[in-house]
Amino acid sequence: MAREKLDAATTEAFAGDLVPLYEKHEEPVLAVLRDLPFLVPSTCRYLSRYFGFEDRNREKKPAFLATHADRIERALAPEDGKHCLEHFAE
């Protein structure tokens, strides 16, 4: 139980820090993901979890995707872009 709480707290902290970082430095973040595709699943999972984690920020998800989905798809390899955006459908 303690481990689950720690994991939830860590997830919330990463998600809460990552979205503002991504929005402020979108191009460098996407360049890193393009160059290091093994980071795509975890990064996109944390980005997605910002929207709705413990029912917070859920209403911001459509605007984020409207602004960033095409950019993510263009910046990453086709499979990586697809997999990244699949995390937002969860």
PDB file of N, CA and C in Angstrom:
ATOM      1  N   MET A   1       0.814  -1.192   0.000  1.00  0.00           N
ATOM      2  CA  MET A   1       0.000   0.000   0.000  1.00  0.00           C
ATOM      3  C   MET A   1       0.865   1.268   0.000  1.00  0.00           C
ATOM      4  N   ALA A   2       1.900   1.284   0.817  1.00  0.00           N
ATOM      5  CA  ALA A   2       2.780   2.452   0.869  1.00  0.00           C
ATOM      6  C   ALA A   2       3.464   2.665  -0.474  1.00  0.00           C
ATOM      7  N   ARG A   3       3.840   1.564  -1.138  1.00  0.00           N
ATOM      8  CA  ARG A   3       4.492   1.670  -2.439  1.00  0.00           C
ATOM      9  C   ARG A   3       3.538   2.281  -3.475  1.00  0.00           C
ATOM     10  N   GLU A   4       2.257   1.893  -3.437  1.00  0.00           N
ATOM     11  CA  GLU A   4       1.267   2.449  -4.351  1.00  0.00           C
ATOM     12  C   GLU A   4       1.099   3.944  -4.126  1.00  0.00           C
ATOM     13  N   LYS A   5       1.075   4.363  -2.880  1.00  0.00           N
ATOM     14  CA  LYS A   5       0.959   5.785  -2.587  1.00  0.00           C
ATOM     15  C   LYS A   5       2.190   6.539  -3.068  1.00  0.00           C
ATOM     16  N   LEU A   6       3.359   5.953  -2.874  1.00  0.00           N
ATOM     17  CA  LEU A   6       4.595   6.568  -3.335  1.00  0.00           C
ATOM     18  C   LEU A   6       4.591   6.661  -4.859  1.00  0.00           C
ATOM     19  N   ASP A   7       4.187   5.593  -5.531  1.00  0.00           N
ATOM     20  CA  ASP A   7       4.111   5.613  -6.990  1.00  0.00           C
ATOM     21  C   ASP A   7       3.126   6.673  -7.466  1.00  0.00           C
ATOM     22  N   ALA A   8       1.988   6.775  -6.813  1.00  0.00           N
ATOM     23  CA  ALA A   8       0.996   7.777  -7.194  1.00  0.00           C
ATOM     24  C   ALA A   8       1.544   9.189  -6.976  1.00  0.00           C
ATOM     25  N   ALA A   9       2.214   9.391  -5.865  1.00  0.00           N
ATOM     26  CA  ALA A   9       2.786  10.706  -5.585  1.00  0.00           C
ATOM     27  C   ALA A   9       3.879  11.053  -6.586  1.00  0.00           C
ATOM     28  N   THR A  10       4.705  10.062  -6.935  1.00  0.00           N
ATOM     29  CA  THR A  10       5.761  10.287  -7.925  1.00  0.00           C
ATOM     30  C   THR A  10       5.164  10.595  -9.286  1.00  0.00           C
ATOM     31  N   THR A  11       4.158   9.829  -9.670  1.00  0.00           N
ATOM     32  CA  THR A  11       3.484  10.070 -10.946  1.00  0.00           C
ATOM     33  C   THR A  11       2.898  11.470 -10.990  1.00  0.00           C
ATOM     34  N   GLU A  12       2.229  11.857  -9.933  1.00  0.00           N
ATOM     35  CA  GLU A  12       1.634  13.191  -9.885  1.00  0.00           C
ATOM     36  C   GLU A  12       2.706  14.274  -9.975  1.00  0.00           C
ATOM     37  N   ALA A  13       3.815  14.078  -9.282  1.00  0.00           N
ATOM     38  CA  ALA A  13       4.895  15.066  -9.302  1.00  0.00           C
ATOM     39  C   ALA A  13       5.514  15.169 -10.695  1.00  0.00           C
ATOM     40  N   PHE A  14       5.820  14.034 -11.311  1.00  0.00           N
ATOM     41  CA  PHE A  14       6.391  14.059 -12.666  1.00  0.00           C
ATOM     42  C   PHE A  14       5.423  14.697 -13.653  1.00  0.00           C
ATOM     43  N   ALA A  15       4.171  14.277 -13.606  1.00  0.00           N
ATOM     44  CA  ALA A  15       3.176  14.818 -14.534  1.00  0.00           C
ATOM     45  C   ALA A  15       3.008  16.316 -14.322  1.00  0.00           C
ATOM     46  N   GLY A  16       2.939  16.735 -13.078  1.00  0.00           N
ATOM     47  CA  GLY A  16       2.758  18.154 -12.785  1.00  0.00           C
ATOM     48  C   GLY A  16       3.932  19.014 -13.217  1.00  0.00           C
ATOM     49  N   ASP A  17       5.133  18.457 -13.174  1.00  0.00           N
ATOM     50  CA  ASP A  17       6.320  19.197 -13.594  1.00  0.00           C
ATOM     51  C   ASP A  17       6.555  19.128 -15.092  1.00  0.00           C
ATOM     52  N   LEU A  18       6.181  18.015 -15.702  1.00  0.00           N
ATOM     53  CA  LEU A  18       6.517  17.793 -17.102  1.00  0.00           C
ATOM     54  C   LEU A  18       5.688  18.630 -18.067  1.00  0.00           C
ATOM     55  N   VAL A  19       4.412  18.786 -17.817  1.00  0.00           N
ATOM     56  CA  VAL A  19       3.573  19.547 -18.755  1.00  0.00           C
ATOM     57  C   VAL A  19       4.028  21.002 -18.858  1.00  0.00           C
ATOM     58  N   PRO A  20       4.234  21.720 -17.763  1.00  0.00           N
ATOM     59  CA  PRO A  20       4.738  23.093 -17.903  1.00  0.00           C
ATOM     60  C   PRO A  20       6.099  23.153 -18.600  1.00  0.00           C
ATOM     61  N   LEU A  21       6.981  22.192 -18.282  1.00  0.00           N
ATOM     62  CA  LEU A  21       8.280  22.135 -18.945  1.00  0.00           C
ATOM     63  C   LEU A  21       8.101  21.922 -20.450  1.00  0.00           C
ATOM     64  N   TYR A  22       7.249  20.968 -20.812  1.00  0.00           N
ATOM     65  CA  TYR A  22       6.992  20.686 -22.221  1.00  0.00           C
ATOM     66  C   TYR A  22       6.424  21.930 -22.921  1.00  0.00           C
ATOM     67  N   GLU A  23       5.442  22.569 -22.314  1.00  0.00           N
ATOM     68  CA  GLU A  23       4.816  23.735 -22.948  1.00  0.00           C
ATOM     69  C   GLU A  23       5.798  24.892 -23.111  1.00  0.00           C
ATOM     70  N   LYS A  24       6.713  25.037 -22.194  1.00  0.00           N
ATOM     71  CA  LYS A  24       7.687  26.129 -22.271  1.00  0.00           C
ATOM     72  C   LYS A  24       8.828  25.818 -23.238  1.00  0.00           C
ATOM     73  N   HIS A  25       9.182  24.528 -23.369  1.00  0.00           N
ATOM     74  CA  HIS A  25      10.330  24.107 -24.181  1.00  0.00           C
ATOM     75  C   HIS A  25       9.941  22.974 -25.128  1.00  0.00           C
ATOM     76  N   GLU A  26       8.861  23.161 -25.827  1.00  0.00           N
ATOM     77  CA  GLU A  26       8.304  22.109 -26.672  1.00  0.00           C
ATOM     78  C   GLU A  26       9.310  21.571 -27.690  1.00  0.00           C
ATOM     79  N   GLU A  27       9.929  22.436 -28.447  1.00  0.00           N
ATOM     80  CA  GLU A  27      10.846  21.977 -29.498  1.00  0.00           C
ATOM     81  C   GLU A  27      12.027  21.182 -28.950  1.00  0.00           C
ATOM     82  N   PRO A  28      12.712  21.653 -27.906  1.00  0.00           N
ATOM     83  CA  PRO A  28      13.808  20.835 -27.375  1.00  0.00           C
ATOM     84  C   PRO A  28      13.330  19.491 -26.813  1.00  0.00           C
ATOM     85  N   VAL A  29      12.181  19.467 -26.149  1.00  0.00           N
ATOM     86  CA  VAL A  29      11.660  18.202 -25.619  1.00  0.00           C
ATOM     87  C   VAL A  29      11.378  17.238 -26.757  1.00  0.00           C
ATOM     88  N   LEU A  30      10.725  17.719 -27.810  1.00  0.00           N
ATOM     89  CA  LEU A  30      10.421  16.845 -28.946  1.00  0.00           C
ATOM     90  C   LEU A  30      11.698  16.395 -29.655  1.00  0.00           C
ATOM     91  N   ALA A  31      12.698  17.244 -29.692  1.00  0.00           N
ATOM     92  CA  ALA A  31      13.976  16.847 -30.305  1.00  0.00           C
ATOM     93  C   ALA A  31      14.627  15.716 -29.512  1.00  0.00           C
ATOM     94  N   VAL A  32      14.569  15.802 -28.197  1.00  0.00           N
ATOM     95  CA  VAL A  32      15.119  14.728 -27.366  1.00  0.00           C
ATOM     96  C   VAL A  32      14.342  13.439 -27.599  1.00  0.00           C
ATOM     97  N   LEU A  33      13.018  13.534 -27.653  1.00  0.00           N
ATOM     98  CA  LEU A  33      12.214  12.334 -27.889  1.00  0.00           C
ATOM     99  C   LEU A  33      12.483  11.733 -29.266  1.00  0.00           C
ATOM    100  N   ARG A  34      12.700  12.582 -30.234  1.00  0.00           N
ATOM    101  CA  ARG A  34      13.023  12.094 -31.584  1.00  0.00           C
ATOM    102  C   ARG A  34      14.375  11.375 -31.576  1.00  0.00           C
ATOM    103  N   ASP A  35      15.345  11.944 -30.865  1.00  0.00           N
ATOM    104  CA  ASP A  35      16.688  11.370 -30.830  1.00  0.00           C
ATOM    105  C   ASP A  35      16.808  10.174 -29.889  1.00  0.00           C
ATOM    106  N   LEU A  36      15.964  10.123 -28.884  1.00  0.00           N
ATOM    107  CA  LEU A  36      16.006   9.047 -27.888  1.00  0.00           C
ATOM    108  C   LEU A  36      14.610   8.428 -27.760  1.00  0.00           C
ATOM    109  N   PRO A  37      14.181   7.696 -28.762  1.00  0.00           N
ATOM    110  CA  PRO A  37      12.795   7.212 -28.785  1.00  0.00           C
ATOM    111  C   PRO A  37      12.410   6.294 -27.629  1.00  0.00           C
ATOM    112  N   PHE A  38      13.376   5.740 -26.921  1.00  0.00           N
ATOM    113  CA  PHE A  38      13.023   4.901 -25.770  1.00  0.00           C
ATOM    114  C   PHE A  38      12.356   5.724 -24.666  1.00  0.00           C
ATOM    115  N   LEU A  39      12.501   7.057 -24.724  1.00  0.00           N
ATOM    116  CA  LEU A  39      11.862   7.932 -23.740  1.00  0.00           C
ATOM    117  C   LEU A  39      10.412   8.255 -24.075  1.00  0.00           C
ATOM    118  N   VAL A  40       9.989   7.953 -25.296  1.00  0.00           N
ATOM    119  CA  VAL A  40       8.630   8.316 -25.740  1.00  0.00           C
ATOM    120  C   VAL A  40       7.548   7.716 -24.850  1.00  0.00           C
ATOM    121  N   PRO A  41       7.543   6.413 -24.587  1.00  0.00           N
ATOM    122  CA  PRO A  41       6.424   5.868 -23.796  1.00  0.00           C
ATOM    123  C   PRO A  41       6.272   6.503 -22.416  1.00  0.00           C
ATOM    124  N   SER A  42       7.350   6.607 -21.672  1.00  0.00           N
ATOM    125  CA  SER A  42       7.216   7.154 -20.316  1.00  0.00           C
ATOM    126  C   SER A  42       6.903   8.644 -20.339  1.00  0.00           C
ATOM    127  N   THR A  43       7.538   9.383 -21.225  1.00  0.00           N
ATOM    128  CA  THR A  43       7.282  10.828 -21.294  1.00  0.00           C
ATOM    129  C   THR A  43       5.842  11.103 -21.674  1.00  0.00           C
ATOM    130  N   CYS A  44       5.359  10.413 -22.681  1.00  0.00           N
ATOM    131  CA  CYS A  44       3.980  10.644 -23.129  1.00  0.00           C
ATOM    132  C   CYS A  44       2.971  10.171 -22.091  1.00  0.00           C
ATOM    133  N   ARG A  45       3.297   9.100 -21.386  1.00  0.00           N
ATOM    134  CA  ARG A  45       2.419   8.628 -20.315  1.00  0.00           C
ATOM    135  C   ARG A  45       2.315   9.696 -19.216  1.00  0.00           C
ATOM    136  N   TYR A  46       3.447  10.288 -18.844  1.00  0.00           N
ATOM    137  CA  TYR A  46       3.398  11.329 -17.816  1.00  0.00           C
ATOM    138  C   TYR A  46       2.686  12.579 -18.322  1.00  0.00           C
ATOM    139  N   LEU A  47       2.920  12.952 -19.554  1.00  0.00           N
ATOM    140  CA  LEU A  47       2.188  14.095 -20.109  1.00  0.00           C
ATOM    141  C   LEU A  47       0.687  13.846 -20.042  1.00  0.00           C
ATOM    142  N   SER A  48       0.280  12.671 -20.450  1.00  0.00           N
ATOM    143  CA  SER A  48      -1.140  12.333 -20.462  1.00  0.00           C
ATOM    144  C   SER A  48      -1.735  12.295 -19.061  1.00  0.00           C
ATOM    145  N   ARG A  49      -0.999  11.761 -18.121  1.00  0.00           N
ATOM    146  CA  ARG A  49      -1.527  11.619 -16.759  1.00  0.00           C
ATOM    147  C   ARG A  49      -1.751  12.951 -16.064  1.00  0.00           C
ATOM    148  N   TYR A  50      -1.162  13.986 -16.570  1.00  0.00           N
ATOM    149  CA  TYR A  50      -1.423  15.322 -16.025  1.00  0.00           C
ATOM    150  C   TYR A  50      -2.901  15.667 -16.163  1.00  0.00           C
ATOM    151  N   PHE A  51      -3.509  15.176 -17.230  1.00  0.00           N
ATOM    152  CA  PHE A  51      -4.903  15.496 -17.539  1.00  0.00           C
ATOM    153  C   PHE A  51      -5.818  14.408 -16.992  1.00  0.00           C
ATOM    154  N   GLY A  52      -6.328  14.638 -15.801  1.00  0.00           N
ATOM    155  CA  GLY A  52      -7.261  13.710 -15.206  1.00  0.00           C
ATOM    156  C   GLY A  52      -6.719  12.966 -14.016  1.00  0.00           C
ATOM    157  N   PHE A  53      -5.421  13.121 -13.730  1.00  0.00           N
ATOM    158  CA  PHE A  53      -4.876  12.443 -12.558  1.00  0.00           C
ATOM    159  C   PHE A  53      -5.593  12.979 -11.333  1.00  0.00           C
ATOM    160  N   GLU A  54      -6.240  12.071 -10.602  1.00  0.00           N
ATOM    161  CA  GLU A  54      -7.057  12.431  -9.445  1.00  0.00           C
ATOM    162  C   GLU A  54      -8.088  13.505  -9.823  1.00  0.00           C
ATOM    163  N   ASP A  55      -8.638  13.355 -11.018  1.00  0.00           N
ATOM    164  CA  ASP A  55      -9.687  14.242 -11.547  1.00  0.00           C
ATOM    165  C   ASP A  55      -9.269  15.708 -11.657  1.00  0.00           C
ATOM    166  N   ARG A  56      -7.988  15.953 -11.856  1.00  0.00           N
ATOM    167  CA  ARG A  56      -7.516  17.328 -12.038  1.00  0.00           C
ATOM    168  C   ARG A  56      -7.181  17.572 -13.499  1.00  0.00           C
ATOM    169  N   ASN A  57      -7.361  18.784 -13.945  1.00  0.00           N
ATOM    170  CA  ASN A  57      -6.946  19.265 -15.264  1.00  0.00           C
ATOM    171  C   ASN A  57      -7.600  18.526 -16.436  1.00  0.00           C
ATOM    172  N   ARG A  58      -8.623  17.745 -16.177  1.00  0.00           N
ATOM    173  CA  ARG A  58      -9.290  16.984 -17.230  1.00  0.00           C
ATOM    174  C   ARG A  58      -9.803  17.901 -18.347  1.00  0.00           C
ATOM    175  N   GLU A  59     -10.307  19.058 -17.954  1.00  0.00           N
ATOM    176  CA  GLU A  59     -10.883  19.987 -18.925  1.00  0.00           C
ATOM    177  C   GLU A  59      -9.811  20.627 -19.825  1.00  0.00           C
ATOM    178  N   LYS A  60      -8.547  20.552 -19.441  1.00  0.00           N
ATOM    179  CA  LYS A  60      -7.462  21.145 -20.225  1.00  0.00           C
ATOM    180  C   LYS A  60      -6.939  20.212 -21.322  1.00  0.00           C
ATOM    181  N   LYS A  61      -7.298  18.945 -21.272  1.00  0.00           N
ATOM    182  CA  LYS A  61      -6.769  17.960 -22.210  1.00  0.00           C
ATOM    183  C   LYS A  61      -7.129  18.268 -23.666  1.00  0.00           C
ATOM    184  N   PRO A  62      -8.400  18.587 -23.992  1.00  0.00           N
ATOM    185  CA  PRO A  62      -8.714  18.886 -25.401  1.00  0.00           C
ATOM    186  C   PRO A  62      -7.909  20.057 -25.969  1.00  0.00           C
ATOM    187  N   ALA A  63      -7.705  21.088 -25.188  1.00  0.00           N
ATOM    188  CA  ALA A  63      -6.939  22.246 -25.666  1.00  0.00           C
ATOM    189  C   ALA A  63      -5.473  21.875 -25.864  1.00  0.00           C
ATOM    190  N   PHE A  64      -4.923  21.083 -24.952  1.00  0.00           N
ATOM    191  CA  PHE A  64      -3.533  20.635 -25.092  1.00  0.00           C
ATOM    192  C   PHE A  64      -3.377  19.835 -26.383  1.00  0.00           C
ATOM    193  N   LEU A  65      -4.261  18.890 -26.604  1.00  0.00           N
ATOM    194  CA  LEU A  65      -4.174  18.062 -27.812  1.00  0.00           C
ATOM    195  C   LEU A  65      -4.393  18.885 -29.076  1.00  0.00           C
ATOM    196  N   ALA A  66      -5.321  19.834 -29.033  1.00  0.00           N
ATOM    197  CA  ALA A  66      -5.553  20.683 -30.206  1.00  0.00           C
ATOM    198  C   ALA A  66      -4.303  21.471 -30.564  1.00  0.00           C
ATOM    199  N   THR A  67      -3.566  21.891 -29.576  1.00  0.00           N
ATOM    200  CA  THR A  67      -2.349  22.667 -29.800  1.00  0.00           C
ATOM    201  C   THR A  67      -1.154  21.791 -30.158  1.00  0.00           C
ATOM    202  N   HIS A  68      -1.031  20.624 -29.526  1.00  0.00           N
ATOM    203  CA  HIS A  68       0.222  19.879 -29.597  1.00  0.00           C
ATOM    204  C   HIS A  68       0.182  18.558 -30.380  1.00  0.00           C
ATOM    205  N   ALA A  69      -0.972  17.982 -30.627  1.00  0.00           N
ATOM    206  CA  ALA A  69      -1.015  16.654 -31.267  1.00  0.00           C
ATOM    207  C   ALA A  69      -0.330  16.648 -32.629  1.00  0.00           C
ATOM    208  N   ASP A  70      -0.645  17.603 -33.475  1.00  0.00           N
ATOM    209  CA  ASP A  70      -0.009  17.647 -34.807  1.00  0.00           C
ATOM    210  C   ASP A  70       1.499  17.862 -34.697  1.00  0.00           C
ATOM    211  N   ARG A  71       1.912  18.679 -33.766  1.00  0.00           N
ATOM    212  CA  ARG A  71       3.346  18.940 -33.581  1.00  0.00           C
ATOM    213  C   ARG A  71       4.075  17.679 -33.137  1.00  0.00           C
ATOM    214  N   ILE A  72       3.450  16.932 -32.237  1.00  0.00           N
ATOM    215  CA  ILE A  72       4.042  15.679 -31.768  1.00  0.00           C
ATOM    216  C   ILE A  72       4.175  14.707 -32.935  1.00  0.00           C
ATOM    217  N   GLU A  73       3.127  14.574 -33.716  1.00  0.00           N
ATOM    218  CA  GLU A  73       3.160  13.650 -34.857  1.00  0.00           C
ATOM    219  C   GLU A  73       4.219  14.046 -35.884  1.00  0.00           C
ATOM    220  N   ARG A  74       4.363  15.337 -36.136  1.00  0.00           N
ATOM    221  CA  ARG A  74       5.353  15.794 -37.117  1.00  0.00           C
ATOM    222  C   ARG A  74       6.780  15.657 -36.599  1.00  0.00           C
ATOM    223  N   ALA A  75       6.969  15.861 -35.304  1.00  0.00           N
ATOM    224  CA  ALA A  75       8.324  15.876 -34.744  1.00  0.00           C
ATOM    225  C   ALA A  75       8.903  14.483 -34.543  1.00  0.00           C
ATOM    226  N   LEU A  76       8.061  13.512 -34.271  1.00  0.00           N
ATOM    227  CA  LEU A  76       8.534  12.175 -33.954  1.00  0.00           C
ATOM    228  C   LEU A  76       8.407  11.250 -35.163  1.00  0.00           C
ATOM    229  N   ALA A  77       9.115  10.145 -35.109  1.00  0.00           N
ATOM    230  CA  ALA A  77       8.939   9.111 -36.130  1.00  0.00           C
ATOM    231  C   ALA A  77       7.466   8.692 -36.109  1.00  0.00           C
ATOM    232  N   PRO A  78       6.915   8.292 -37.259  1.00  0.00           N
ATOM    233  CA  PRO A  78       5.476   7.980 -37.320  1.00  0.00           C
ATOM    234  C   PRO A  78       4.977   7.031 -36.227  1.00  0.00           C
ATOM    235  N   GLU A  79       5.683   5.948 -35.996  1.00  0.00           N
ATOM    236  CA  GLU A  79       5.250   4.999 -34.961  1.00  0.00           C
ATOM    237  C   GLU A  79       5.329   5.617 -33.570  1.00  0.00           C
ATOM    238  N   ASP A  80       6.363   6.394 -33.313  1.00  0.00           N
ATOM    239  CA  ASP A  80       6.519   7.023 -32.001  1.00  0.00           C
ATOM    240  C   ASP A  80       5.433   8.064 -31.760  1.00  0.00           C
ATOM    241  N   GLY A  81       5.129   8.853 -32.774  1.00  0.00           N
ATOM    242  CA  GLY A  81       4.059   9.845 -32.644  1.00  0.00           C
ATOM    243  C   GLY A  81       2.721   9.178 -32.364  1.00  0.00           C
ATOM    244  N   LYS A  82       2.458   8.099 -33.087  1.00  0.00           N
ATOM    245  CA  LYS A  82       1.212   7.351 -32.893  1.00  0.00           C
ATOM    246  C   LYS A  82       1.138   6.798 -31.478  1.00  0.00           C
ATOM    247  N   HIS A  83       2.212   6.160 -31.033  1.00  0.00           N
ATOM    248  CA  HIS A  83       2.224   5.585 -29.686  1.00  0.00           C
ATOM    249  C   HIS A  83       2.118   6.664 -28.617  1.00  0.00           C
ATOM    250  N   CYS A  84       2.755   7.794 -28.845  1.00  0.00           N
ATOM    251  CA  CYS A  84       2.675   8.884 -27.877  1.00  0.00           C
ATOM    252  C   CYS A  84       1.231   9.320 -27.699  1.00  0.00           C
ATOM    253  N   LEU A  85       0.553   9.577 -28.792  1.00  0.00           N
ATOM    254  CA  LEU A  85      -0.817  10.086 -28.705  1.00  0.00           C
ATOM    255  C   LEU A  85      -1.789   9.040 -28.199  1.00  0.00           C
ATOM    256  N   GLU A  86      -1.463   7.772 -28.340  1.00  0.00           N
ATOM    257  CA  GLU A  86      -2.329   6.722 -27.786  1.00  0.00           C
ATOM    258  C   GLU A  86      -2.440   6.835 -26.269  1.00  0.00           C
ATOM    259  N   HIS A  87      -1.420   7.349 -25.631  1.00  0.00           N
ATOM    260  CA  HIS A  87      -1.475   7.518 -24.170  1.00  0.00           C
ATOM    261  C   HIS A  87      -2.562   8.514 -23.778  1.00  0.00           C
ATOM    262  N   PHE A  88      -2.875   9.443 -24.641  1.00  0.00           N
ATOM    263  CA  PHE A  88      -3.892  10.455 -24.333  1.00  0.00           C
ATOM    264  C   PHE A  88      -5.305   9.917 -24.490  1.00  0.00           C
ATOM    265  N   ALA A  89      -5.452   8.752 -25.125  1.00  0.00           N
ATOM    266  CA  ALA A  89      -6.760   8.141 -25.293  1.00  0.00           C
ATOM    267  C   ALA A  89      -7.159   7.317 -24.069  1.00  0.00           C
ATOM    268  N   GLU A  90      -6.216   7.063 -23.187  1.00  0.00           N
ATOM    269  CA  GLU A  90      -6.488   6.234 -22.002  1.00  0.00           C
ATOM    270  C   GLU A  90      -7.375   6.954 -21.020  1.00  0.00           C
TER     271      GLU A  90
END
